[in-house]
Amino acid sequence: LMTDPRPPRDCHDMGSLRAQIDRMDAELIALLVERAGYIDRAVDIKKGNGLPARITPRVQEVIANVRRLADEQGVDPDLAELLRSQLIEWSIQREAKHIPEG
């Protein structure tokens, strides 16, 4: 069952609050699945252009962007960087199964 979104202030008990967290977790997983499709497509594009899996300037750019966005939205930039770094490394490893890391 998919729960309709509601703001935290409208959750009056732990059950409704947990339902919202579970809903967001399901959305995050769906986003990860979608993102994996783009990573798989990046393999084809990178191979066709002779690019490595790891492009360090791009990794640095992404981390800087994530830290800035987190700060602008009131989320701990260190937490955002940690989570995003894990996703970046997972993505690079996924790509590196098919192309060199660089």
C-alpha atoms as a PDB file:
ATOM      1  CA  LEU A   1       0.000   0.000   0.000  1.00  0.00           C
ATOM      2  CA  MET A   2       1.302   3.416  -0.958  1.00  0.00           C
ATOM      3  CA  THR A   3       0.629   6.111   1.591  1.00  0.00           C
ATOM      4  CA  ASP A   4      -0.356   9.586   0.451  1.00  0.00           C
ATOM      5  CA  PRO A   5       2.297  12.159   1.321  1.00  0.00           C
ATOM      6  CA  ARG A   6       1.625  14.366   4.313  1.00  0.00           C
ATOM      7  CA  PRO A   7       3.799  16.902   6.122  1.00  0.00           C
ATOM      8  CA  PRO A   8       5.394  15.881   9.440  1.00  0.00           C
ATOM      9  CA  ARG A   9       3.104  18.243  11.370  1.00  0.00           C
ATOM     10  CA  ASP A  10       0.114  16.212  10.144  1.00  0.00           C
ATOM     11  CA  CYS A  11       1.468  12.957  11.591  1.00  0.00           C
ATOM     12  CA  HIS A  12      -0.143  12.635  15.022  1.00  0.00           C
ATOM     13  CA  ASP A  13       1.109   9.189  16.005  1.00  0.00           C
ATOM     14  CA  MET A  14       4.082   6.946  15.379  1.00  0.00           C
ATOM     15  CA  GLY A  15       2.107   4.769  12.958  1.00  0.00           C
ATOM     16  CA  SER A  16       1.357   7.638  10.594  1.00  0.00           C
ATOM     17  CA  LEU A  17       4.899   8.958  10.961  1.00  0.00           C
ATOM     18  CA  ARG A  18       6.410   5.548  10.179  1.00  0.00           C
ATOM     19  CA  ALA A  19       4.096   5.167   7.178  1.00  0.00           C
ATOM     20  CA  GLN A  20       5.529   8.403   5.766  1.00  0.00           C
ATOM     21  CA  ILE A  21       9.112   7.275   6.368  1.00  0.00           C
ATOM     22  CA  ASP A  22       8.337   3.923   4.716  1.00  0.00           C
ATOM     23  CA  ARG A  23       6.779   5.786   1.764  1.00  0.00           C
ATOM     24  CA  MET A  24       9.907   7.914   1.365  1.00  0.00           C
ATOM     25  CA  ASP A  25      12.148   4.842   1.641  1.00  0.00           C
ATOM     26  CA  ALA A  26      10.194   3.229  -1.218  1.00  0.00           C
ATOM     27  CA  GLU A  27      10.637   6.415  -3.274  1.00  0.00           C
ATOM     28  CA  LEU A  28      14.373   6.430  -2.556  1.00  0.00           C
ATOM     29  CA  ILE A  29      14.683   2.826  -3.737  1.00  0.00           C
ATOM     30  CA  ALA A  30      12.761   3.666  -6.913  1.00  0.00           C
ATOM     31  CA  LEU A  31      15.164   6.570  -7.508  1.00  0.00           C
ATOM     32  CA  LEU A  32      18.150   4.262  -6.987  1.00  0.00           C
ATOM     33  CA  VAL A  33      16.739   1.842  -9.562  1.00  0.00           C
ATOM     34  CA  GLU A  34      16.233   4.702 -12.010  1.00  0.00           C
ATOM     35  CA  ARG A  35      19.735   6.018 -11.314  1.00  0.00           C
ATOM     36  CA  ALA A  36      21.259   2.572 -11.909  1.00  0.00           C
ATOM     37  CA  GLY A  37      19.733   2.655 -15.393  1.00  0.00           C
ATOM     38  CA  TYR A  38      21.593   5.905 -16.095  1.00  0.00           C
ATOM     39  CA  ILE A  39      24.819   4.428 -14.733  1.00  0.00           C
ATOM     40  CA  ASP A  40      24.413   1.451 -17.058  1.00  0.00           C
ATOM     41  CA  ARG A  41      23.866   3.830 -19.973  1.00  0.00           C
ATOM     42  CA  ALA A  42      26.978   5.783 -18.932  1.00  0.00           C
ATOM     43  CA  VAL A  43      28.990   2.587 -19.452  1.00  0.00           C
ATOM     44  CA  ASP A  44      28.007   2.502 -23.124  1.00  0.00           C
ATOM     45  CA  ILE A  45      28.682   6.214 -23.622  1.00  0.00           C
ATOM     46  CA  LYS A  46      32.007   6.131 -21.778  1.00  0.00           C
ATOM     47  CA  LYS A  47      33.155   3.039 -23.682  1.00  0.00           C
ATOM     48  CA  GLY A  48      32.242   4.698 -26.970  1.00  0.00           C
ATOM     49  CA  ASN A  49      34.239   7.787 -26.039  1.00  0.00           C
ATOM     50  CA  GLY A  50      37.205   6.041 -24.420  1.00  0.00           C
ATOM     51  CA  LEU A  51      36.391   7.471 -20.984  1.00  0.00           C
ATOM     52  CA  PRO A  52      37.256   5.724 -17.703  1.00  0.00           C
ATOM     53  CA  ALA A  53      34.738   4.776 -15.030  1.00  0.00           C
ATOM     54  CA  ARG A  54      36.259   7.260 -12.566  1.00  0.00           C
ATOM     55  CA  ILE A  55      36.523  10.851 -13.749  1.00  0.00           C
ATOM     56  CA  THR A  56      37.964  12.574 -10.673  1.00  0.00           C
ATOM     57  CA  PRO A  57      37.073  16.178 -11.610  1.00  0.00           C
ATOM     58  CA  ARG A  58      33.444  15.091 -12.054  1.00  0.00           C
ATOM     59  CA  VAL A  59      33.453  13.298  -8.690  1.00  0.00           C
ATOM     60  CA  GLN A  60      34.790  16.460  -7.043  1.00  0.00           C
ATOM     61  CA  GLU A  61      32.173  18.583  -8.824  1.00  0.00           C
ATOM     62  CA  VAL A  62      29.340  16.317  -7.697  1.00  0.00           C
ATOM     63  CA  ILE A  63      30.514  16.333  -4.066  1.00  0.00           C
ATOM     64  CA  ALA A  64      30.823  20.133  -4.081  1.00  0.00           C
ATOM     65  CA  ASN A  65      27.313  20.435  -5.541  1.00  0.00           C
ATOM     66  CA  VAL A  66      25.865  18.036  -2.962  1.00  0.00           C
ATOM     67  CA  ARG A  67      27.508  19.920  -0.086  1.00  0.00           C
ATOM     68  CA  ARG A  68      26.186  23.240  -1.414  1.00  0.00           C
ATOM     69  CA  LEU A  69      22.650  21.906  -1.911  1.00  0.00           C
ATOM     70  CA  ALA A  70      22.637  20.324   1.546  1.00  0.00           C
ATOM     71  CA  ASP A  71      23.804  23.551   3.147  1.00  0.00           C
ATOM     72  CA  GLU A  72      21.174  25.582   1.258  1.00  0.00           C
ATOM     73  CA  GLN A  73      18.428  23.209   2.397  1.00  0.00           C
ATOM     74  CA  GLY A  74      19.538  22.940   6.012  1.00  0.00           C
ATOM     75  CA  VAL A  75      20.953  19.403   5.905  1.00  0.00           C
ATOM     76  CA  ASP A  76      24.360  18.552   7.348  1.00  0.00           C
ATOM     77  CA  PRO A  77      26.768  18.791   4.361  1.00  0.00           C
ATOM     78  CA  ASP A  78      29.000  16.104   5.915  1.00  0.00           C
ATOM     79  CA  LEU A  79      26.091  13.663   5.983  1.00  0.00           C
ATOM     80  CA  ALA A  80      25.141  14.519   2.410  1.00  0.00           C
ATOM     81  CA  GLU A  81      28.736  14.032   1.290  1.00  0.00           C
ATOM     82  CA  LEU A  82      29.022  10.703   3.095  1.00  0.00           C
ATOM     83  CA  LEU A  83      25.846   9.337   1.530  1.00  0.00           C
ATOM     84  CA  ARG A  84      26.647  10.685  -1.916  1.00  0.00           C
ATOM     85  CA  SER A  85      30.227   9.401  -1.772  1.00  0.00           C
ATOM     86  CA  GLN A  86      28.921   5.900  -1.069  1.00  0.00           C
ATOM     87  CA  LEU A  87      26.610   6.168  -4.082  1.00  0.00           C
ATOM     88  CA  ILE A  88      29.410   7.519  -6.288  1.00  0.00           C
ATOM     89  CA  GLU A  89      31.756   4.682  -5.319  1.00  0.00           C
ATOM     90  CA  TRP A  90      29.018   2.105  -5.897  1.00  0.00           C
ATOM     91  CA  SER A  91      28.363   3.639  -9.320  1.00  0.00           C
ATOM     92  CA  ILE A  92      32.046   3.658 -10.272  1.00  0.00           C
ATOM     93  CA  GLN A  93      32.404   0.022  -9.227  1.00  0.00           C
ATOM     94  CA  ARG A  94      29.328  -0.859 -11.287  1.00  0.00           C
ATOM     95  CA  GLU A  95      30.863   0.899 -14.318  1.00  0.00           C
ATOM     96  CA  ALA A  96      34.320  -0.563 -13.673  1.00  0.00           C
ATOM     97  CA  LYS A  97      32.973  -4.079 -14.236  1.00  0.00           C
ATOM     98  CA  HIS A  98      32.802  -3.087 -17.907  1.00  0.00           C
ATOM     99  CA  ILE A  99      35.374  -0.298 -18.353  1.00  0.00           C
ATOM    100  CA  PRO A 100      38.623   0.691 -16.602  1.00  0.00           C
ATOM    101  CA  GLU A 101      38.413   2.949 -13.538  1.00  0.00           C
ATOM    102  CA  GLY A 102      40.926   5.452 -14.875  1.00  0.00           C
END
